[in-house]
């Protein structure tokens, strides 16, 4: 298998396919298009009372694209990871082209959480997130989803639905429905860098009535 290029990766995303590796040192990449796909409806992110308190009280600062490689490495910093060296290389290349982005959470200069993904039109393909403090990844997601909503995005693809993501409002949809959403989303004109990040009150203003 020849070396993959960022262009190949972006064509795969446009077709609803994403890459994974079996483990960190695996040189091979396989492509995934799940029968059922996880997505975050951008107007249905669930902020529980405890998460709302954490957002109000924590002194963390939030940034966009300040330390993309730090976020990728934080996501890969676990005993088992699908983020191989080859996948890391590809995402860093996409970041340098302005096609991958990260949202970071900081505590006194220490990177304590974040999420990264790929953008194409109005679609955000969430790849991974990590947390080094309680609720850090949840707080990062809350800020990211509000930012995507305000920036004109229509699709947040989580790839798979986990129990953790389900508690935050993510749902699972059939592959055919996902591809319809994807076709619409990638035709939209959204820009994750066009607006400043929301403030904590702006994030909490979108809190769902079910929290």
Protein backbone atom coordinates (compact mmCIF):
# COMPACT_ATOMS: atom_id res chain seq x y z
CA UNK A 1 0.00 0.00 0.00
CA UNK A 2 1.47 3.36 -1.03
CA UNK A 3 1.64 6.35 1.25
CA UNK A 4 -1.73 7.96 1.74
CA UNK A 5 -2.11 11.64 0.97
CA UNK A 6 -4.29 14.30 2.60
CA UNK A 7 -6.26 14.55 -0.66
CA UNK A 8 -7.08 10.84 -0.49
CA UNK A 9 -8.23 11.24 3.09
CA UNK A 10 -10.51 14.18 2.25
CA UNK A 11 -12.05 12.27 -0.65
CA UNK A 12 -12.79 9.43 1.76
CA UNK A 13 -14.52 11.79 4.21
CA UNK A 14 -16.62 13.20 1.36
CA UNK A 15 -17.81 9.64 0.67
CA UNK A 16 -18.58 8.96 4.34
CA UNK A 17 -15.53 6.80 5.02
CA UNK A 18 -12.93 7.34 7.74
CA UNK A 19 -9.57 5.70 8.54
CA UNK A 20 -8.51 3.61 11.51
CA UNK A 21 -5.53 1.45 12.48
CA UNK A 22 -5.43 -1.63 14.66
CA UNK A 23 -2.84 -0.16 17.03
CA UNK A 24 -0.26 2.61 17.41
CA UNK A 25 2.53 0.86 15.51
CA UNK A 26 0.37 -0.57 12.73
CA UNK A 27 1.57 0.74 9.33
CA UNK A 28 -1.68 -0.31 7.65
CA UNK A 29 -4.90 1.73 7.59
CA UNK A 30 -8.37 0.32 7.03
CA UNK A 31 -11.47 2.25 6.01
CA UNK A 32 -14.73 2.29 7.94
CA UNK A 33 -18.30 3.14 6.91
CA UNK A 34 -20.51 1.93 9.78
CA UNK A 35 -23.97 0.49 9.14
CA UNK A 36 -25.19 2.78 11.92
CA UNK A 37 -23.51 6.14 12.44
CA UNK A 38 -23.16 8.31 15.53
CA UNK A 39 -24.03 12.01 15.13
CA UNK A 40 -24.52 14.98 17.44
CA UNK A 41 -27.60 17.03 16.54
CA UNK A 42 -26.10 20.49 17.03
CA UNK A 43 -29.20 21.84 18.77
CA UNK A 44 -29.60 18.87 21.12
CA UNK A 45 -26.37 18.75 23.11
CA UNK A 46 -27.36 17.82 26.67
CA UNK A 47 -25.80 19.93 29.40
CA UNK A 48 -26.66 18.33 32.73
CA UNK A 49 -26.89 20.34 35.92
CA UNK A 50 -23.52 19.01 37.05
CA UNK A 51 -21.88 19.89 33.74
CA UNK A 52 -23.44 23.36 33.82
CA UNK A 53 -21.99 23.89 37.29
CA UNK A 54 -18.58 22.74 36.05
CA UNK A 55 -18.71 25.17 33.12
CA UNK A 56 -19.68 28.05 35.41
CA UNK A 57 -17.12 27.36 38.11
CA UNK A 58 -14.02 26.09 36.34
CA UNK A 59 -11.25 28.60 35.62
CA UNK A 60 -10.23 26.81 32.44
CA UNK A 61 -9.49 28.74 29.26
CA UNK A 62 -10.63 27.55 25.84
CA UNK A 63 -8.76 27.96 22.55
CA UNK A 64 -9.06 26.89 18.93
CA UNK A 65 -6.11 25.46 16.99
CA UNK A 66 -3.55 26.56 19.57
CA UNK A 67 -2.00 23.09 20.06
CA UNK A 68 -3.36 20.66 17.49
CA UNK A 69 -0.51 18.18 17.88
CA UNK A 70 -0.88 18.31 21.66
CA UNK A 71 -4.54 17.35 21.37
CA UNK A 72 -3.84 14.50 18.92
CA UNK A 73 -1.10 13.18 21.21
CA UNK A 74 -3.37 13.53 24.23
CA UNK A 75 -6.02 11.46 22.45
CA UNK A 76 -3.44 8.81 21.55
CA UNK A 77 -2.00 8.69 25.08
CA UNK A 78 -3.69 5.47 26.20
CA UNK A 79 -2.77 1.82 26.29
CA UNK A 80 -4.73 1.00 23.13
CA UNK A 81 -5.22 3.55 20.38
CA UNK A 82 -6.26 3.55 16.72
CA UNK A 83 -4.19 6.71 16.16
CA UNK A 84 -1.14 5.22 14.49
CA UNK A 85 1.94 7.15 13.43
CA UNK A 86 0.61 7.22 9.87
CA UNK A 87 -2.78 8.56 10.95
CA UNK A 88 -1.08 11.17 13.12
CA UNK A 89 0.99 12.27 10.11
CA UNK A 90 -2.11 12.62 7.96
CA UNK A 91 -4.05 14.69 10.47
CA UNK A 92 -1.13 17.02 11.07
CA UNK A 93 -0.93 17.51 7.30
CA UNK A 94 -4.65 18.30 7.19
CA UNK A 95 -4.23 20.76 10.06
CA UNK A 96 -1.49 22.57 8.17
CA UNK A 97 -3.86 22.84 5.20
CA UNK A 98 -6.63 24.26 7.39
CA UNK A 99 -8.78 21.12 7.07
CA UNK A 100 -8.37 19.73 10.59
CA UNK A 101 -8.90 21.64 13.82
CA UNK A 102 -8.65 21.25 17.55
CA UNK A 103 -10.35 22.83 20.53
CA UNK A 104 -8.21 22.92 23.65
CA UNK A 105 -8.92 23.31 27.35
CA UNK A 106 -6.19 24.83 29.54
CA UNK A 107 -5.56 25.11 33.25
CA UNK A 108 -2.78 27.58 34.11
CA UNK A 109 -0.94 26.82 30.90
CA UNK A 110 -1.41 23.04 31.10
CA UNK A 111 -3.33 21.30 28.32
CA UNK A 112 -5.97 19.31 30.22
CA UNK A 113 -8.45 18.30 27.56
CA UNK A 114 -9.57 18.74 24.01
CA UNK A 115 -11.18 17.38 20.88
CA UNK A 116 -10.05 17.35 17.26
CA UNK A 117 -11.61 16.62 13.92
CA UNK A 118 -11.80 17.34 10.21
CA UNK A 119 -13.97 19.93 8.47
CA UNK A 120 -15.46 19.76 4.99
CA UNK A 121 -18.12 22.28 4.03
CA UNK A 122 -20.64 22.29 6.88
CA UNK A 123 -19.57 18.90 8.24
CA UNK A 124 -17.33 18.36 11.25
CA UNK A 125 -15.95 14.84 11.56
CA UNK A 126 -15.07 14.39 15.22
CA UNK A 127 -12.09 12.09 15.55
CA UNK A 128 -11.20 11.84 19.22
CA UNK A 129 -11.12 13.66 22.54
CA UNK A 130 -9.24 13.37 25.79
CA UNK A 131 -9.44 14.58 29.37
CA UNK A 132 -6.89 15.06 32.14
CA UNK A 133 -9.35 16.65 34.59
CA UNK A 134 -12.89 15.69 35.56
CA UNK A 135 -15.38 16.85 32.92
CA UNK A 136 -12.65 18.36 30.70
CA UNK A 137 -13.69 16.55 27.52
CA UNK A 138 -17.39 17.28 28.20
CA UNK A 139 -16.64 20.97 28.66
CA UNK A 140 -14.60 20.98 25.45
CA UNK A 141 -17.48 19.35 23.56
CA UNK A 142 -19.99 21.87 24.93
CA UNK A 143 -17.89 24.76 23.65
CA UNK A 144 -17.19 23.06 20.33
CA UNK A 145 -20.80 22.24 19.56
CA UNK A 146 -21.99 25.77 20.29
CA UNK A 147 -19.13 27.13 18.18
CA UNK A 148 -19.98 24.82 15.27
CA UNK A 149 -23.65 25.77 15.46
CA UNK A 150 -22.83 29.48 15.33
CA UNK A 151 -20.32 28.93 12.51
CA UNK A 152 -22.87 27.43 10.12
CA UNK A 153 -22.15 23.71 10.49
CA UNK A 154 -25.02 21.27 10.01
CA UNK A 155 -23.40 17.90 10.76
CA UNK A 156 -21.26 16.69 13.66
CA UNK A 157 -20.21 13.13 12.86
CA UNK A 158 -19.09 11.15 15.93
CA UNK A 159 -18.51 7.99 13.83
CA UNK A 160 -19.68 5.55 16.53
CA UNK A 161 -22.19 6.05 19.33
CA UNK A 162 -20.79 5.30 22.79
CA UNK A 163 -22.72 5.31 26.05
CA UNK A 164 -20.75 8.40 27.07
CA UNK A 165 -21.71 10.32 23.93
CA UNK A 166 -25.33 9.19 24.22
CA UNK A 167 -25.61 10.82 27.65
CA UNK A 168 -24.59 14.10 26.00
CA UNK A 169 -27.22 13.93 23.28
CA UNK A 170 -25.56 11.98 20.47
CA UNK A 171 -27.78 9.60 18.52
CA UNK A 172 -27.33 6.74 16.08
CA UNK A 173 -28.79 6.85 12.57
CA UNK A 174 -28.79 4.41 9.64
CA UNK A 175 -26.02 4.64 7.09
CA UNK A 176 -28.40 5.82 4.34
CA UNK A 177 -29.69 8.68 6.50
CA UNK A 178 -26.14 9.66 7.38
CA UNK A 179 -25.12 9.82 3.74
CA UNK A 180 -28.08 12.11 3.00
CA UNK A 181 -27.01 14.45 5.81
CA UNK A 182 -23.42 14.29 4.62
CA UNK A 183 -24.33 15.12 1.01
CA UNK A 184 -26.18 18.21 2.20
CA UNK A 185 -23.57 19.26 4.76
CA UNK A 186 -20.50 19.20 2.53
CA UNK A 187 -22.24 21.56 0.11
CA UNK A 188 -22.62 24.21 2.83
CA UNK A 189 -20.28 27.11 3.35
CA UNK A 190 -19.15 26.99 6.98
CA UNK A 191 -15.94 28.30 8.51
CA UNK A 192 -14.79 27.16 11.95
CA UNK A 193 -12.28 30.03 12.12
CA UNK A 194 -14.64 32.86 11.15
CA UNK A 195 -16.05 33.49 14.63
CA UNK A 196 -14.57 33.79 18.10
CA UNK A 197 -15.28 30.99 20.54
CA UNK A 198 -18.43 31.36 22.65
CA UNK A 199 -18.30 32.49 26.26
CA UNK A 200 -19.47 30.27 29.11
CA UNK A 201 -22.82 32.14 29.36
CA UNK A 202 -23.34 31.68 25.61
CA UNK A 203 -22.67 27.94 25.90
CA UNK A 204 -25.05 27.62 28.85
CA UNK A 205 -27.75 29.64 27.10
CA UNK A 206 -28.23 26.67 24.77
CA UNK A 207 -28.77 24.28 27.65
CA UNK A 208 -31.53 21.84 26.80
CA UNK A 209 -34.81 21.76 28.68
CA UNK A 210 -34.22 18.15 29.64
CA UNK A 211 -31.18 18.89 31.80
